[in-house]
C-alpha atoms as a PDB file:
ATOM      1  CA  MET A   1      -0.031  -0.023   0.003  1.00  0.00           C
ATOM      2  CA  MET A   2       1.276   3.404  -0.897  1.00  0.00           C
ATOM      3  CA  SER A   3       1.838   6.168   1.837  1.00  0.00           C
ATOM      4  CA  GLU A   4       0.520   9.721   1.486  1.00  0.00           C
ATOM      5  CA  THR A   5       4.025  10.847   0.646  1.00  0.00           C
ATOM      6  CA  ASP A   6       4.217   8.041  -1.994  1.00  0.00           C
ATOM      7  CA  TYR A   7       0.957   9.420  -3.600  1.00  0.00           C
ATOM      8  CA  LEU A   8       2.282  13.092  -3.477  1.00  0.00           C
ATOM      9  CA  ASN A   9       5.513  12.065  -5.195  1.00  0.00           C
ATOM     10  CA  VAL A  10       3.582  10.482  -7.922  1.00  0.00           C
ATOM     11  CA  LEU A  11       1.245  13.486  -8.382  1.00  0.00           C
ATOM     12  CA  THR A  12       4.315  15.720  -8.591  1.00  0.00           C
ATOM     13  CA  ARG A  13       6.023  13.574 -11.223  1.00  0.00           C
ATOM     14  CA  VAL A  14       2.679  13.782 -13.196  1.00  0.00           C
ATOM     15  CA  TYR A  15       2.516  17.423 -12.840  1.00  0.00           C
ATOM     16  CA  TYR A  16       6.043  17.884 -14.079  1.00  0.00           C
ATOM     17  CA  ALA A  17       5.473  15.590 -16.877  1.00  0.00           C
ATOM     18  CA  ILE A  18       2.238  17.360 -17.979  1.00  0.00           C
ATOM     19  CA  LYS A  19       3.926  20.652 -17.661  1.00  0.00           C
ATOM     20  CA  GLU A  20       6.754  19.486 -20.061  1.00  0.00           C
ATOM     21  CA  LEU A  21       4.276  17.967 -22.578  1.00  0.00           C
ATOM     22  CA  ARG A  22       2.021  21.146 -22.667  1.00  0.00           C
ATOM     23  CA  SER A  23       5.210  23.354 -23.260  1.00  0.00           C
ATOM     24  CA  HIS A  24       5.482  21.318 -26.489  1.00  0.00           C
ATOM     25  CA  GLY A  25       1.881  21.748 -27.436  1.00  0.00           C
ATOM     26  CA  VAL A  26       0.899  18.249 -26.805  1.00  0.00           C
ATOM     27  CA  THR A  27      -2.753  17.345 -26.027  1.00  0.00           C
ATOM     28  CA  ILE A  28      -3.343  15.267 -22.998  1.00  0.00           C
ATOM     29  CA  ARG A  29      -6.218  12.757 -23.379  1.00  0.00           C
ATOM     30  CA  THR A  30      -6.179  10.897 -20.095  1.00  0.00           C
ATOM     31  CA  ILE A  31      -4.127  10.092 -17.049  1.00  0.00           C
ATOM     32  CA  LEU A  32      -4.320   6.629 -15.510  1.00  0.00           C
ATOM     33  CA  PHE A  33      -2.979   5.768 -12.098  1.00  0.00           C
ATOM     34  CA  ASN A  34      -1.839   2.208 -11.551  1.00  0.00           C
ATOM     35  CA  GLY A  35      -0.337   2.383  -8.063  1.00  0.00           C
ATOM     36  CA  GLY A  36       2.922   4.388  -8.341  1.00  0.00           C
ATOM     37  CA  LYS A  37       3.062   3.814 -12.203  1.00  0.00           C
ATOM     38  CA  PRO A  38       1.152   6.649 -13.966  1.00  0.00           C
ATOM     39  CA  THR A  39       0.331   6.495 -17.594  1.00  0.00           C
ATOM     40  CA  ILE A  40      -0.327   9.702 -19.614  1.00  0.00           C
ATOM     41  CA  ARG A  41      -2.346   9.086 -22.801  1.00  0.00           C
ATOM     42  CA  ILE A  42      -1.722  11.843 -25.404  1.00  0.00           C
ATOM     43  CA  THR A  43      -2.840  12.785 -29.036  1.00  0.00           C
ATOM     44  CA  ARG A  44      -0.348  11.941 -31.711  1.00  0.00           C
ATOM     45  CA  CYS A  45       1.553  15.054 -32.854  1.00  0.00           C
ATOM     46  CA  ALA A  46       4.871  16.356 -34.285  1.00  0.00           C
ATOM     47  CA  TYR A  47       6.428  16.018 -30.800  1.00  0.00           C
ATOM     48  CA  CYS A  48       5.714  12.324 -30.804  1.00  0.00           C
ATOM     49  CA  ASP A  49       7.376  12.051 -34.261  1.00  0.00           C
ATOM     50  CA  ARG A  50      10.467  13.813 -32.892  1.00  0.00           C
ATOM     51  CA  GLN A  51      10.628  11.466 -29.930  1.00  0.00           C
ATOM     52  CA  ILE A  52      10.511   8.441 -32.395  1.00  0.00           C
ATOM     53  CA  GLU A  53      13.176  10.056 -34.694  1.00  0.00           C
ATOM     54  CA  ASN A  54      15.598  10.734 -31.822  1.00  0.00           C
ATOM     55  CA  GLY A  55      15.154   7.246 -30.262  1.00  0.00           C
ATOM     56  CA  THR A  56      13.617   8.571 -27.072  1.00  0.00           C
ATOM     57  CA  ALA A  57      10.174   6.799 -27.959  1.00  0.00           C
ATOM     58  CA  LEU A  58       9.617   3.518 -29.551  1.00  0.00           C
ATOM     59  CA  TYR A  59       6.610   1.611 -31.034  1.00  0.00           C
ATOM     60  CA  GLN A  60       5.712  -1.131 -28.492  1.00  0.00           C
ATOM     61  CA  SER A  61       2.390  -2.440 -29.637  1.00  0.00           C
ATOM     62  CA  PHE A  62       0.720  -3.287 -32.958  1.00  0.00           C
ATOM     63  CA  GLY A  63      -2.789  -4.550 -33.352  1.00  0.00           C
ATOM     64  CA  CYS A  64      -6.285  -4.346 -34.683  1.00  0.00           C
ATOM     65  CA  GLY A  65      -9.095  -2.632 -32.801  1.00  0.00           C
ATOM     66  CA  PRO A  66     -12.580  -1.343 -33.469  1.00  0.00           C
ATOM     67  CA  CYS A  67     -11.096   1.485 -35.675  1.00  0.00           C
ATOM     68  CA  GLY A  68      -8.835  -0.849 -37.458  1.00  0.00           C
ATOM     69  CA  HIS A  69      -5.098  -1.444 -37.416  1.00  0.00           C
ATOM     70  CA  TYR A  70      -2.879   0.674 -35.008  1.00  0.00           C
ATOM     71  CA  LYS A  71       0.529   0.999 -33.509  1.00  0.00           C
ATOM     72  CA  GLN A  72       1.220   2.557 -30.089  1.00  0.00           C
ATOM     73  CA  GLY A  73       4.169   4.761 -29.193  1.00  0.00           C
ATOM     74  CA  VAL A  74       5.684   5.021 -25.813  1.00  0.00           C
ATOM     75  CA  PHE A  75       8.360   6.942 -23.836  1.00  0.00           C
ATOM     76  CA  MET A  76       9.071   7.630 -20.315  1.00  0.00           C
ATOM     77  CA  LEU A  77       9.002  11.355 -18.897  1.00  0.00           C
ATOM     78  CA  ASP A  78       9.522  12.196 -15.219  1.00  0.00           C
ATOM     79  CA  GLY A  79       8.815   8.529 -14.190  1.00  0.00           C
ATOM     80  CA  CYS A  80       5.501   8.588 -16.191  1.00  0.00           C
ATOM     81  CA  LYS A  81       4.839   6.278 -19.198  1.00  0.00           C
ATOM     82  CA  VAL A  82       3.557   8.530 -22.130  1.00  0.00           C
ATOM     83  CA  VAL A  83       1.570   6.625 -24.804  1.00  0.00           C
ATOM     84  CA  TRP A  84      -0.274   7.520 -27.982  1.00  0.00           C
ATOM     85  CA  SER A  85      -1.872   5.385 -30.766  1.00  0.00           C
ATOM     86  CA  GLU A  86      -1.614   5.843 -34.502  1.00  0.00           C
ATOM     87  CA  SER A  87      -4.108   4.450 -36.950  1.00  0.00           C
ATOM     88  CA  LEU A  88      -2.391   2.375 -39.864  1.00  0.00           C
ATOM     89  CA  HIS A  89      -5.061   2.939 -42.665  1.00  0.00           C
END
């Protein structure tokens, strides 16, 4: 079980990650908390493309969902996993 201090530390990491993403014009879609491992889902944008190009991010998942084929990009920022999906039409 996480302590109050642990929760505050997680929230602080999320705050700084969101602040950094917003400074690059990234749109935040959702924030999920799984214990001390937050996941921030964003909308794909030029910032995502730059993260892939410079090797900071990678594509970790490929699949087919209700909207067709997709791939999912991911990178870590301030202890938070940042993910986005791209359609492969």
